[in-house]
C-alpha atoms as a PDB file:
ATOM      1  CA  MET A   1      -6.034 -19.709 -17.650  1.00  0.00           C
ATOM      2  CA  MET A   2      -2.375 -18.931 -18.315  1.00  0.00           C
ATOM      3  CA  LYS A   3      -3.168 -15.205 -18.491  1.00  0.00           C
ATOM      4  CA  GLU A   4      -4.738 -15.282 -15.016  1.00  0.00           C
ATOM      5  CA  ILE A   5      -1.766 -17.142 -13.563  1.00  0.00           C
ATOM      6  CA  CYS A   6       0.666 -14.572 -14.997  1.00  0.00           C
ATOM      7  CA  ILE A   7      -1.455 -11.708 -13.653  1.00  0.00           C
ATOM      8  CA  VAL A   8      -1.586 -13.214 -10.169  1.00  0.00           C
ATOM      9  CA  ILE A   9       2.167 -13.923 -10.068  1.00  0.00           C
ATOM     10  CA  ALA A  10       3.040 -10.399 -11.238  1.00  0.00           C
ATOM     11  CA  LEU A  11       0.676  -8.716  -8.805  1.00  0.00           C
ATOM     12  CA  ILE A  12       1.759 -10.816  -5.833  1.00  0.00           C
ATOM     13  CA  ALA A  13       5.405  -9.989  -6.585  1.00  0.00           C
ATOM     14  CA  MET A  14       4.597  -6.279  -6.869  1.00  0.00           C
ATOM     15  CA  SER A  15       2.557  -6.253  -3.657  1.00  0.00           C
ATOM     16  CA  ILE A  16       5.177  -8.153  -1.674  1.00  0.00           C
ATOM     17  CA  GLU A  17       7.824  -5.745  -2.958  1.00  0.00           C
ATOM     18  CA  LEU A  18       6.076  -2.883  -1.130  1.00  0.00           C
ATOM     19  CA  LEU A  19       5.817  -4.586   2.283  1.00  0.00           C
ATOM     20  CA  PRO A  20       9.477  -4.228   3.393  1.00  0.00           C
ATOM     21  CA  MET A  21       9.233  -0.463   2.925  1.00  0.00           C
ATOM     22  CA  VAL A  22       6.237  -0.251   5.275  1.00  0.00           C
ATOM     23  CA  ILE A  23       7.767  -2.674   7.789  1.00  0.00           C
ATOM     24  CA  LYS A  24      11.061  -0.727   7.868  1.00  0.00           C
ATOM     25  CA  GLY A  25       9.147   2.523   8.305  1.00  0.00           C
ATOM     26  CA  TYR A  26       7.222   1.070  11.239  1.00  0.00           C
ATOM     27  CA  ARG A  27      10.338  -0.323  12.921  1.00  0.00           C
ATOM     28  CA  THR A  28      12.546   2.737  12.469  1.00  0.00           C
ATOM     29  CA  LYS A  29       9.767   5.358  12.740  1.00  0.00           C
ATOM     30  CA  SER A  30      11.356   7.007   9.708  1.00  0.00           C
ATOM     31  CA  MET A  31      10.473   7.134   6.020  1.00  0.00           C
ATOM     32  CA  ASP A  32      13.484   9.191   4.942  1.00  0.00           C
ATOM     33  CA  HIS A  33      14.601   6.279   2.752  1.00  0.00           C
ATOM     34  CA  VAL A  34      11.458   6.608   0.585  1.00  0.00           C
ATOM     35  CA  PRO A  35      11.120   9.589  -1.775  1.00  0.00           C
ATOM     36  CA  TRP A  36       7.748  11.312  -2.182  1.00  0.00           C
ATOM     37  CA  PHE A  37       7.960  10.946  -5.956  1.00  0.00           C
ATOM     38  CA  MET A  38       8.109   7.162  -5.706  1.00  0.00           C
ATOM     39  CA  LEU A  39       5.121   6.970  -3.368  1.00  0.00           C
ATOM     40  CA  ILE A  40       2.943   9.287  -5.429  1.00  0.00           C
ATOM     41  CA  ASN A  41       3.973   7.681  -8.717  1.00  0.00           C
ATOM     42  CA  CYS A  42       3.218   4.173  -7.428  1.00  0.00           C
ATOM     43  CA  GLU A  43      -0.100   5.328  -5.960  1.00  0.00           C
ATOM     44  CA  ILE A  44      -1.176   6.774  -9.324  1.00  0.00           C
ATOM     45  CA  GLY A  45      -0.067   3.659 -11.203  1.00  0.00           C
ATOM     46  CA  VAL A  46      -1.759   1.224  -8.843  1.00  0.00           C
ATOM     47  CA  SER A  47      -4.942   3.331  -8.864  1.00  0.00           C
ATOM     48  CA  ALA A  48      -4.989   3.212 -12.668  1.00  0.00           C
ATOM     49  CA  TRP A  49      -4.540  -0.566 -12.665  1.00  0.00           C
ATOM     50  CA  LEU A  50      -7.292  -0.871 -10.064  1.00  0.00           C
ATOM     51  CA  CYS A  51      -9.661   1.101 -12.303  1.00  0.00           C
ATOM     52  CA  TYR A  52      -8.710  -1.147 -15.213  1.00  0.00           C
ATOM     53  CA  ALA A  53      -9.364  -4.273 -13.132  1.00  0.00           C
ATOM     54  CA  ILE A  54     -12.805  -2.923 -12.233  1.00  0.00           C
ATOM     55  CA  CYS A  55     -13.576  -2.199 -15.901  1.00  0.00           C
ATOM     56  CA  ILE A  56     -12.631  -5.668 -17.112  1.00  0.00           C
ATOM     57  CA  GLU A  57     -14.037  -7.359 -13.987  1.00  0.00           C
ATOM     58  CA  GLU A  58     -10.850  -9.305 -13.286  1.00  0.00           C
ATOM     59  CA  GLN A  59     -11.320 -10.493  -9.689  1.00  0.00           C
ATOM     60  CA  PRO A  60      -7.748 -11.625  -8.821  1.00  0.00           C
ATOM     61  CA  MET A  61      -6.306  -8.441 -10.277  1.00  0.00           C
ATOM     62  CA  LEU A  62      -8.857  -6.333  -8.430  1.00  0.00           C
ATOM     63  CA  CYS A  63      -8.057  -7.905  -5.059  1.00  0.00           C
ATOM     64  CA  LEU A  64      -4.288  -7.678  -5.437  1.00  0.00           C
ATOM     65  CA  GLU A  65      -4.352  -4.094  -6.726  1.00  0.00           C
ATOM     66  CA  ALA A  66      -6.600  -3.125  -3.801  1.00  0.00           C
ATOM     67  CA  PHE A  67      -4.041  -4.712  -1.446  1.00  0.00           C
ATOM     68  CA  ALA A  68      -1.173  -2.838  -3.125  1.00  0.00           C
ATOM     69  CA  LEU A  69      -3.133   0.413  -2.873  1.00  0.00           C
ATOM     70  CA  MET A  70      -3.713  -0.228   0.831  1.00  0.00           C
ATOM     71  CA  VAL A  71       0.012  -0.835   1.435  1.00  0.00           C
ATOM     72  CA  LEU A  72       0.926   2.343  -0.463  1.00  0.00           C
ATOM     73  CA  THR A  73      -1.636   4.345   1.493  1.00  0.00           C
ATOM     74  CA  ILE A  74      -0.088   3.090   4.734  1.00  0.00           C
ATOM     75  CA  ALA A  75       3.352   4.100   3.417  1.00  0.00           C
ATOM     76  CA  ILE A  76       2.109   7.607   2.585  1.00  0.00           C
ATOM     77  CA  TYR A  77       0.538   7.878   6.044  1.00  0.00           C
ATOM     78  CA  GLN A  78       3.848   6.827   7.602  1.00  0.00           C
ATOM     79  CA  LYS A  79       5.739   9.342   5.459  1.00  0.00           C
ATOM     80  CA  ILE A  80       3.459  12.152   6.670  1.00  0.00           C
ATOM     81  CA  LYS A  81       3.488  11.000  10.294  1.00  0.00           C
ATOM     82  CA  TYR A  82       7.235  10.383  10.632  1.00  0.00           C
ATOM     83  CA  THR A  83       8.304  13.496   8.711  1.00  0.00           C
ATOM     84  CA  ARG A  84       6.965  15.796  11.431  1.00  0.00           C
END
């Protein structure tokens, strides 16, 4: 039980950490403050954790990693859209 609680706390903190970046990008219509390397690196890392969560069938981890992947995908979309 303690393991699941730690996983959920860590994943919620990581997912919430990504939201201000997307919100700032939406408000300012600019993603100049976010480097491509960070976005791609985070996307790869979150995708790997998502695959791991699928393999071990860890439901809370799966849901939160899917949310983080969605937020990162939105950030990459914003980076492409606002760079033009």
